[in-house]
N, C-alpha and C. Protein backbone atom coordinates (compact mmCIF):
# COMPACT_ATOMS: atom_id res chain seq x y z
N MET A 1 183.82 69.60 106.51
CA MET A 1 183.27 70.86 106.91
C MET A 1 183.98 71.28 108.19
N ASP A 2 184.37 72.52 108.25
CA ASP A 2 184.99 73.03 109.47
C ASP A 2 184.35 74.36 109.83
N SER A 3 184.50 74.73 111.08
CA SER A 3 183.83 75.93 111.56
C SER A 3 184.53 77.18 111.05
N ALA A 4 183.75 78.23 110.88
CA ALA A 4 184.26 79.51 110.40
C ALA A 4 183.99 80.57 111.46
N ARG A 5 183.97 81.78 111.05
CA ARG A 5 183.77 82.91 111.94
C ARG A 5 182.38 82.89 112.58
N GLN A 6 182.29 83.36 113.82
CA GLN A 6 181.02 83.46 114.51
C GLN A 6 180.62 84.93 114.60
N LEU A 7 179.39 85.23 114.20
CA LEU A 7 178.87 86.58 114.35
C LEU A 7 178.27 86.71 115.75
N LYS A 8 178.65 87.73 116.47
CA LYS A 8 178.17 87.92 117.83
C LYS A 8 177.10 89.00 117.84
N ARG A 9 175.92 88.65 118.31
CA ARG A 9 174.79 89.56 118.36
C ARG A 9 174.22 89.59 119.77
N LEU A 10 173.45 90.62 120.09
CA LEU A 10 172.80 90.72 121.39
C LEU A 10 171.29 90.66 121.22
N ARG A 11 170.66 89.89 122.09
CA ARG A 11 169.21 89.78 122.11
C ARG A 11 168.71 90.60 123.29
N PRO A 12 167.71 91.43 123.08
CA PRO A 12 167.19 92.23 124.19
C PRO A 12 166.68 91.34 125.33
N ALA A 13 166.98 91.77 126.55
CA ALA A 13 166.56 91.03 127.74
C ALA A 13 165.97 92.03 128.74
N PRO A 14 165.29 91.55 129.75
CA PRO A 14 164.68 92.45 130.73
C PRO A 14 165.70 93.32 131.46
N GLN A 15 165.24 94.46 131.91
CA GLN A 15 166.00 95.41 132.72
C GLN A 15 167.26 95.93 132.01
N GLY A 16 167.15 96.14 130.70
CA GLY A 16 168.24 96.74 129.94
C GLY A 16 169.42 95.83 129.68
N ARG A 17 169.25 94.59 129.93
CA ARG A 17 170.34 93.64 129.68
C ARG A 17 170.29 93.14 128.24
N GLY A 18 171.31 92.38 127.87
CA GLY A 18 171.34 91.75 126.56
C GLY A 18 171.92 90.37 126.65
N TYR A 19 171.22 89.40 126.04
CA TYR A 19 171.72 88.03 126.00
C TYR A 19 172.50 87.86 124.71
N ARG A 20 173.66 87.21 124.83
CA ARG A 20 174.53 87.02 123.67
C ARG A 20 174.00 85.89 122.79
N ILE A 21 174.00 86.14 121.47
CA ILE A 21 173.65 85.13 120.47
C ILE A 21 174.86 84.94 119.58
N LEU A 22 175.27 83.68 119.36
CA LEU A 22 176.36 83.38 118.45
C LEU A 22 175.77 82.79 117.17
N LYS A 23 175.94 83.50 116.07
CA LYS A 23 175.47 83.01 114.78
C LYS A 23 176.65 82.34 114.10
N ARG A 24 176.62 81.02 114.09
CA ARG A 24 177.74 80.24 113.58
C ARG A 24 177.63 80.03 112.08
N SER A 25 178.78 79.92 111.43
CA SER A 25 178.83 79.59 110.02
C SER A 25 179.92 78.56 109.80
N ASN A 26 179.95 77.95 108.62
CA ASN A 26 180.89 76.87 108.32
C ASN A 26 181.57 77.09 106.98
N HIS A 27 182.73 76.48 106.84
CA HIS A 27 183.39 76.39 105.54
C HIS A 27 183.04 75.03 104.96
N VAL A 28 182.60 75.01 103.71
CA VAL A 28 182.27 73.76 103.04
C VAL A 28 183.25 73.56 101.90
N THR A 29 183.85 72.37 101.83
CA THR A 29 184.80 72.05 100.77
C THR A 29 184.17 71.03 99.84
N LEU A 30 184.10 71.37 98.55
CA LEU A 30 183.55 70.48 97.54
C LEU A 30 184.67 69.98 96.65
N LEU A 31 184.70 68.68 96.40
CA LEU A 31 185.66 68.10 95.47
C LEU A 31 184.92 67.74 94.20
N VAL A 32 185.38 68.28 93.08
CA VAL A 32 184.71 68.06 91.80
C VAL A 32 185.68 67.33 90.89
N ASP A 33 185.18 66.30 90.23
CA ASP A 33 186.00 65.52 89.31
C ASP A 33 185.33 65.52 87.95
N THR A 34 186.12 65.54 86.90
CA THR A 34 185.56 65.53 85.55
C THR A 34 185.52 64.10 85.02
N VAL A 35 184.54 63.83 84.18
CA VAL A 35 184.39 62.53 83.55
C VAL A 35 184.58 62.73 82.06
N ASN A 36 185.53 62.01 81.50
CA ASN A 36 185.79 62.12 80.07
C ASN A 36 184.95 61.09 79.32
N LYS A 37 184.08 61.56 78.44
CA LYS A 37 183.24 60.68 77.62
C LYS A 37 183.52 61.00 76.16
N LYS A 38 183.47 59.98 75.35
CA LYS A 38 183.65 60.20 73.92
C LYS A 38 182.31 60.63 73.34
N VAL A 39 182.31 61.75 72.64
CA VAL A 39 181.08 62.29 72.06
C VAL A 39 180.59 61.40 70.93
N GLU A 40 181.50 60.79 70.19
CA GLU A 40 181.12 59.96 69.05
C GLU A 40 180.29 58.75 69.50
N ASN A 41 180.67 58.11 70.60
CA ASN A 41 179.93 56.95 71.09
C ASN A 41 178.53 57.32 71.54
N THR A 42 178.35 58.45 72.17
CA THR A 42 177.02 58.85 72.63
C THR A 42 176.12 59.20 71.45
N LYS A 43 176.70 59.76 70.38
CA LYS A 43 175.89 60.06 69.19
C LYS A 43 175.40 58.77 68.55
N GLN A 44 176.26 57.75 68.48
CA GLN A 44 175.86 56.49 67.87
C GLN A 44 174.77 55.81 68.69
N VAL A 45 174.84 55.89 69.99
CA VAL A 45 173.84 55.27 70.86
C VAL A 45 172.49 55.97 70.68
N THR A 46 172.48 57.30 70.61
CA THR A 46 171.21 58.00 70.47
C THR A 46 170.61 57.77 69.08
N GLU A 47 171.42 57.62 68.04
CA GLU A 47 170.90 57.35 66.71
C GLU A 47 170.26 55.97 66.67
N ASN A 48 170.85 54.99 67.34
CA ASN A 48 170.31 53.62 67.34
C ASN A 48 169.01 53.55 68.14
N THR A 49 168.88 54.29 69.20
CA THR A 49 167.67 54.22 70.01
C THR A 49 166.50 54.96 69.36
N GLU A 50 166.80 55.99 68.56
CA GLU A 50 165.73 56.74 67.89
C GLU A 50 165.12 55.96 66.75
N ALA A 51 165.86 55.11 66.12
CA ALA A 51 165.38 54.38 64.94
C ALA A 51 164.45 53.27 65.25
């Protein structure tokens, strides 16, 4: 995860002033991997368990 853009906002303060608020956000990186399964083997297993 790394930092991204910051949104800068002002919060009302006494005597017409404004306090700065930084709304931070992040970049999230997801790594996805595929799993190869044989469909025939799973069908045989489910048929054996149902019987």
